[in-house]
């Protein structure tokens, strides 16, 4: 299972709430959640950036 599928599955099962904005640790990953507003980004939703908790490497970005 790739990282994007893992994030989407966690949102479906309510293990990850994208409405909680900011930075936090989640299952061994460091995630940053920001709200996307149509006036600035031409879409509504949330952007979730995933980083390696230990080294801080950017692993991916998921837009929901």
PDB file of N, CA and C in Angstrom:
ATOM      1  N   UNK A   1       0.855  -1.174   0.000  1.00  0.00           N
ATOM      2  CA  UNK A   1       0.000   0.000   0.000  1.00  0.00           C
ATOM      3  C   UNK A   1       0.903   1.240   0.000  1.00  0.00           C
ATOM      4  N   UNK A   2       0.679   2.113  -0.972  1.00  0.00           N
ATOM      5  CA  UNK A   2       1.513   3.307  -1.009  1.00  0.00           C
ATOM      6  C   UNK A   2       1.009   4.352  -0.015  1.00  0.00           C
ATOM      7  N   UNK A   3       1.772   5.394   0.149  1.00  0.00           N
ATOM      8  CA  UNK A   3       1.502   6.394   1.179  1.00  0.00           C
ATOM      9  C   UNK A   3       0.194   7.151   0.937  1.00  0.00           C
ATOM     10  N   UNK A   4      -0.109   7.477  -0.316  1.00  0.00           N
ATOM     11  CA  UNK A   4      -1.350   8.189  -0.629  1.00  0.00           C
ATOM     12  C   UNK A   4      -2.572   7.338  -0.281  1.00  0.00           C
ATOM     13  N   UNK A   5      -2.534   6.064  -0.608  1.00  0.00           N
ATOM     14  CA  UNK A   5      -3.644   5.174  -0.272  1.00  0.00           C
ATOM     15  C   UNK A   5      -3.791   5.036   1.235  1.00  0.00           C
ATOM     16  N   UNK A   6      -2.674   5.000   1.943  1.00  0.00           N
ATOM     17  CA  UNK A   6      -2.698   4.896   3.403  1.00  0.00           C
ATOM     18  C   UNK A   6      -3.380   6.117   4.018  1.00  0.00           C
ATOM     19  N   UNK A   7      -3.059   7.306   3.529  1.00  0.00           N
ATOM     20  CA  UNK A   7      -3.666   8.536   4.036  1.00  0.00           C
ATOM     21  C   UNK A   7      -5.169   8.567   3.729  1.00  0.00           C
ATOM     22  N   UNK A   8      -5.536   8.240   2.494  1.00  0.00           N
ATOM     23  CA  UNK A   8      -6.953   8.250   2.116  1.00  0.00           C
ATOM     24  C   UNK A   8      -7.750   7.227   2.916  1.00  0.00           C
ATOM     25  N   UNK A   9      -7.187   6.057   3.150  1.00  0.00           N
ATOM     26  CA  UNK A   9      -7.860   5.030   3.958  1.00  0.00           C
ATOM     27  C   UNK A   9      -8.030   5.505   5.402  1.00  0.00           C
ATOM     28  N   UNK A  10      -7.008   6.170   5.950  1.00  0.00           N
ATOM     29  CA  UNK A  10      -7.081   6.682   7.323  1.00  0.00           C
ATOM     30  C   UNK A  10      -8.155   7.752   7.452  1.00  0.00           C
ATOM     31  N   UNK A  11      -8.346   8.565   6.422  1.00  0.00           N
ATOM     32  CA  UNK A  11      -9.395   9.588   6.454  1.00  0.00           C
ATOM     33  C   UNK A  11     -10.772   8.924   6.402  1.00  0.00           C
ATOM     34  N   UNK A  12     -10.914   7.888   5.577  1.00  0.00           N
ATOM     35  CA  UNK A  12     -12.191   7.174   5.481  1.00  0.00           C
ATOM     36  C   UNK A  12     -12.569   6.505   6.793  1.00  0.00           C
ATOM     37  N   UNK A  13     -11.602   5.964   7.513  1.00  0.00           N
ATOM     38  CA  UNK A  13     -11.872   5.249   8.758  1.00  0.00           C
ATOM     39  C   UNK A  13     -11.765   6.139   9.986  1.00  0.00           C
ATOM     40  N   UNK A  14     -11.665   7.440   9.785  1.00  0.00           N
ATOM     41  CA  UNK A  14     -11.600   8.443  10.860  1.00  0.00           C
ATOM     42  C   UNK A  14     -10.389   8.296  11.774  1.00  0.00           C
ATOM     43  N   UNK A  15      -9.286   7.771  11.261  1.00  0.00           N
ATOM     44  CA  UNK A  15      -8.049   7.715  12.032  1.00  0.00           C
ATOM     45  C   UNK A  15      -7.198   8.953  11.796  1.00  0.00           C
ATOM     46  N   UNK A  16      -7.545   9.715  10.761  1.00  0.00           N
ATOM     47  CA  UNK A  16      -6.873  10.977  10.465  1.00  0.00           C
ATOM     48  C   UNK A  16      -7.943  11.991  10.096  1.00  0.00           C
ATOM     49  N   UNK A  17      -7.973  13.085  10.816  1.00  0.00           N
ATOM     50  CA  UNK A  17      -8.948  14.139  10.568  1.00  0.00           C
ATOM     51  C   UNK A  17      -8.237  15.309   9.884  1.00  0.00           C
ATOM     52  N   UNK A  18      -8.514  15.544   8.594  1.00  0.00           N
ATOM     53  CA  UNK A  18      -7.823  16.644   7.908  1.00  0.00           C
ATOM     54  C   UNK A  18      -8.262  18.021   8.368  1.00  0.00           C
ATOM     55  N   UNK A  19      -9.356  18.112   9.112  1.00  0.00           N
ATOM     56  CA  UNK A  19      -9.835  19.403   9.590  1.00  0.00           C
ATOM     57  C   UNK A  19      -8.980  19.948  10.732  1.00  0.00           C
ATOM     58  N   UNK A  20      -8.135  19.113  11.319  1.00  0.00           N
ATOM     59  CA  UNK A  20      -7.199  19.570  12.343  1.00  0.00           C
ATOM     60  C   UNK A  20      -5.973  20.089  11.600  1.00  0.00           C
ATOM     61  N   UNK A  21      -5.852  21.397  11.549  1.00  0.00           N
ATOM     62  CA  UNK A  21      -4.791  22.030  10.770  1.00  0.00           C
ATOM     63  C   UNK A  21      -3.502  22.128  11.574  1.00  0.00           C
ATOM     64  N   UNK A  22      -2.389  22.221  10.861  1.00  0.00           N
ATOM     65  CA  UNK A  22      -1.096  22.405  11.512  1.00  0.00           C
ATOM     66  C   UNK A  22      -0.195  21.202  11.340  1.00  0.00           C
ATOM     67  N   UNK A  23       0.811  21.128  12.185  1.00  0.00           N
ATOM     68  CA  UNK A  23       1.817  20.086  12.112  1.00  0.00           C
ATOM     69  C   UNK A  23       1.670  19.147  13.290  1.00  0.00           C
ATOM     70  N   UNK A  24       1.858  17.852  13.025  1.00  0.00           N
ATOM     71  CA  UNK A  24       1.770  16.870  14.101  1.00  0.00           C
ATOM     72  C   UNK A  24       2.411  15.556  13.655  1.00  0.00           C
ATOM     73  N   UNK A  25       2.598  14.664  14.603  1.00  0.00           N
ATOM     74  CA  UNK A  25       3.119  13.338  14.336  1.00  0.00           C
ATOM     75  C   UNK A  25       1.950  12.384  14.164  1.00  0.00           C
ATOM     76  N   UNK A  26       2.061  11.502  13.176  1.00  0.00           N
ATOM     77  CA  UNK A  26       0.998  10.545  12.899  1.00  0.00           C
ATOM     78  C   UNK A  26       1.624   9.231  12.452  1.00  0.00           C
ATOM     79  N   UNK A  27       1.534   8.185  13.282  1.00  0.00           N
ATOM     80  CA  UNK A  27       2.031   6.840  12.971  1.00  0.00           C
ATOM     81  C   UNK A  27       3.438   6.833  12.375  1.00  0.00           C
ATOM     82  N   UNK A  28       4.364   7.484  13.013  1.00  0.00           N
ATOM     83  CA  UNK A  28       5.753   7.474  12.569  1.00  0.00           C
ATOM     84  C   UNK A  28       6.070   8.456  11.457  1.00  0.00           C
ATOM     85  N   UNK A  29       5.097   9.273  11.081  1.00  0.00           N
ATOM     86  CA  UNK A  29       5.305  10.299  10.064  1.00  0.00           C
ATOM     87  C   UNK A  29       5.049  11.662  10.693  1.00  0.00           C
ATOM     88  N   UNK A  30       5.678  12.673  10.153  1.00  0.00           N
ATOM     89  CA  UNK A  30       5.402  14.052  10.539  1.00  0.00           C
ATOM     90  C   UNK A  30       4.555  14.633   9.419  1.00  0.00           C
ATOM     91  N   UNK A  31       3.337  15.089   9.728  1.00  0.00           N
ATOM     92  CA  UNK A  31       2.455  15.597   8.686  1.00  0.00           C
ATOM     93  C   UNK A  31       2.114  17.065   8.941  1.00  0.00           C
ATOM     94  N   UNK A  32       1.895  17.770   7.849  1.00  0.00           N
ATOM     95  CA  UNK A  32       1.486  19.175   7.901  1.00  0.00           C
ATOM     96  C   UNK A  32       0.203  19.289   7.079  1.00  0.00           C
ATOM     97  N   UNK A  33      -0.866  19.754   7.718  1.00  0.00           N
ATOM     98  CA  UNK A  33      -2.153  19.881   7.059  1.00  0.00           C
ATOM     99  C   UNK A  33      -2.490  21.355   6.893  1.00  0.00           C
ATOM    100  N   UNK A  34      -2.796  21.757   5.648  1.00  0.00           N
ATOM    101  CA  UNK A  34      -3.209  23.121   5.374  1.00  0.00           C
ATOM    102  C   UNK A  34      -4.518  23.095   4.600  1.00  0.00           C
ATOM    103  N   UNK A  35      -5.333  24.096   4.837  1.00  0.00           N
ATOM    104  CA  UNK A  35      -6.624  24.194   4.159  1.00  0.00           C
ATOM    105  C   UNK A  35      -6.437  24.899   2.820  1.00  0.00           C
ATOM    106  N   UNK A  36      -7.055  24.342   1.786  1.00  0.00           N
ATOM    107  CA  UNK A  36      -7.028  24.975   0.468  1.00  0.00           C
ATOM    108  C   UNK A  36      -8.325  25.741   0.272  1.00  0.00           C
ATOM    109  N   UNK A  37      -8.222  26.974  -0.146  1.00  0.00           N
ATOM    110  CA  UNK A  37      -9.381  27.843  -0.352  1.00  0.00           C
ATOM    111  C   UNK A  37      -9.475  28.145  -1.842  1.00  0.00           C
ATOM    112  N   UNK A  38     -10.670  28.032  -2.394  1.00  0.00           N
ATOM    113  CA  UNK A  38     -10.870  28.180  -3.825  1.00  0.00           C
ATOM    114  C   UNK A  38     -10.334  29.510  -4.358  1.00  0.00           C
ATOM    115  N   UNK A  39     -10.496  30.575  -3.621  1.00  0.00           N
ATOM    116  CA  UNK A  39     -10.068  31.895  -4.085  1.00  0.00           C
ATOM    117  C   UNK A  39      -8.556  31.953  -4.341  1.00  0.00           C
ATOM    118  N   UNK A  40      -7.787  31.166  -3.621  1.00  0.00           N
ATOM    119  CA  UNK A  40      -6.329  31.161  -3.802  1.00  0.00           C
ATOM    120  C   UNK A  40      -5.840  29.968  -4.617  1.00  0.00           C
ATOM    121  N   UNK A  41      -6.450  28.799  -4.439  1.00  0.00           N
ATOM    122  CA  UNK A  41      -5.936  27.566  -5.005  1.00  0.00           C
ATOM    123  C   UNK A  41      -6.812  26.964  -6.104  1.00  0.00           C
ATOM    124  N   UNK A  42      -7.929  27.626  -6.429  1.00  0.00           N
ATOM    125  CA  UNK A  42      -8.896  27.138  -7.418  1.00  0.00           C
ATOM    126  C   UNK A  42      -9.483  25.777  -7.054  1.00  0.00           C
ATOM    127  N   UNK A  43      -9.475  25.447  -5.766  1.00  0.00           N
ATOM    128  CA  UNK A  43     -10.142  24.243  -5.268  1.00  0.00           C
ATOM    129  C   UNK A  43     -10.279  24.346  -3.758  1.00  0.00           C
ATOM    130  N   UNK A  44     -11.303  23.721  -3.235  1.00  0.00           N
ATOM    131  CA  UNK A  44     -11.498  23.630  -1.797  1.00  0.00           C
ATOM    132  C   UNK A  44     -11.005  22.264  -1.341  1.00  0.00           C
ATOM    133  N   UNK A  45     -10.531  22.181  -0.132  1.00  0.00           N
ATOM    134  CA  UNK A  45     -10.081  20.904   0.408  1.00  0.00           C
ATOM    135  C   UNK A  45      -8.907  21.096   1.349  1.00  0.00           C
ATOM    136  N   UNK A  46      -8.104  20.056   1.443  1.00  0.00           N
ATOM    137  CA  UNK A  46      -6.962  20.066   2.353  1.00  0.00           C
ATOM    138  C   UNK A  46      -5.737  19.504   1.648  1.00  0.00           C
ATOM    139  N   UNK A  47      -4.590  20.046   1.981  1.00  0.00           N
ATOM    140  CA  UNK A  47      -3.317  19.542   1.477  1.00  0.00           C
ATOM    141  C   UNK A  47      -2.579  18.939   2.653  1.00  0.00           C
ATOM    142  N   UNK A  48      -2.201  17.683   2.526  1.00  0.00           N
ATOM    143  CA  UNK A  48      -1.477  16.982   3.580  1.00  0.00           C
ATOM    144  C   UNK A  48      -0.090  16.649   3.053  1.00  0.00           C
ATOM    145  N   UNK A  49       0.924  17.227   3.685  1.00  0.00           N
ATOM    146  CA  UNK A  49       2.310  16.953   3.319  1.00  0.00           C
ATOM    147  C   UNK A  49       2.872  15.960   4.326  1.00  0.00           C
ATOM    148  N   UNK A  50       3.554  14.933   3.831  1.00  0.00           N
ATOM    149  CA  UNK A  50       4.070  13.871   4.684  1.00  0.00           C
ATOM    150  C   UNK A  50       5.591  13.915   4.669  1.00  0.00           C
ATOM    151  N   UNK A  51       6.167  13.874   5.871  1.00  0.00           N
ATOM    152  CA  UNK A  51       7.616  13.904   6.034  1.00  0.00           C
ATOM    153  C   UNK A  51       8.050  12.713   6.883  1.00  0.00           C
ATOM    154  N   UNK A  52       9.279  12.283   6.688  1.00  0.00           N
ATOM    155  CA  UNK A  52       9.875  11.262   7.529  1.00  0.00           C
ATOM    156  C   UNK A  52      10.119  11.877   8.901  1.00  0.00           C
ATOM    157  N   UNK A  53       9.632  11.236   9.947  1.00  0.00           N
ATOM    158  CA  UNK A  53       9.736  11.819  11.281  1.00  0.00           C
ATOM    159  C   UNK A  53      11.183  11.920  11.756  1.00  0.00           C
ATOM    160  N   UNK A  54      11.985  10.954  11.413  1.00  0.00           N
ATOM    161  CA  UNK A  54      13.347  10.926  11.931  1.00  0.00           C
ATOM    162  C   UNK A  54      14.275  11.911  11.222  1.00  0.00           C
ATOM    163  N   UNK A  55      14.199  11.968   9.887  1.00  0.00           N
ATOM    164  CA  UNK A  55      15.139  12.797   9.129  1.00  0.00           C
ATOM    165  C   UNK A  55      14.514  14.027   8.490  1.00  0.00           C
ATOM    166  N   UNK A  56      13.208  14.112   8.423  1.00  0.00           N
ATOM    167  CA  UNK A  56      12.544  15.274   7.864  1.00  0.00           C
ATOM    168  C   UNK A  56      12.479  15.304   6.349  1.00  0.00           C
ATOM    169  N   UNK A  57      12.710  14.167   5.700  1.00  0.00           N
ATOM    170  CA  UNK A  57      12.632  14.105   4.244  1.00  0.00           C
ATOM    171  C   UNK A  57      11.181  14.157   3.784  1.00  0.00           C
ATOM    172  N   UNK A  58      10.908  14.916   2.730  1.00  0.00           N
ATOM    173  CA  UNK A  58       9.554  15.022   2.197  1.00  0.00           C
ATOM    174  C   UNK A  58       9.231  13.742   1.440  1.00  0.00           C
ATOM    175  N   UNK A  59       8.175  13.043   1.864  1.00  0.00           N
ATOM    176  CA  UNK A  59       7.807  11.773   1.253  1.00  0.00           C
ATOM    177  C   UNK A  59       6.687  11.890   0.251  1.00  0.00           C
ATOM    178  N   UNK A  60       5.831  12.904   0.418  1.00  0.00           N
ATOM    179  CA  UNK A  60       4.745  13.060  -0.527  1.00  0.00           C
ATOM    180  C   UNK A  60       3.738  14.110  -0.090  1.00  0.00           C
ATOM    181  N   UNK A  61       2.835  14.426  -1.015  1.00  0.00           N
ATOM    182  CA  UNK A  61       1.775  15.389  -0.756  1.00  0.00           C
ATOM    183  C   UNK A  61       0.468  14.805  -1.263  1.00  0.00           C
ATOM    184  N   UNK A  62      -0.564  14.885  -0.431  1.00  0.00           N
ATOM    185  CA  UNK A  62      -1.883  14.377  -0.789  1.00  0.00           C
ATOM    186  C   UNK A  62      -2.859  15.545  -0.713  1.00  0.00           C
ATOM    187  N   UNK A  63      -3.656  15.738  -1.768  1.00  0.00           N
ATOM    188  CA  UNK A  63      -4.673  16.774  -1.763  1.00  0.00           C
ATOM    189  C   UNK A  63      -6.027  16.100  -1.716  1.00  0.00           C
ATOM    190  N   UNK A  64      -6.787  16.431  -0.697  1.00  0.00           N
ATOM    191  CA  UNK A  64      -8.107  15.817  -0.480  1.00  0.00           C
ATOM    192  C   UNK A  64      -9.164  16.863  -0.672  1.00  0.00           C
TER     193      UNK A  64
END
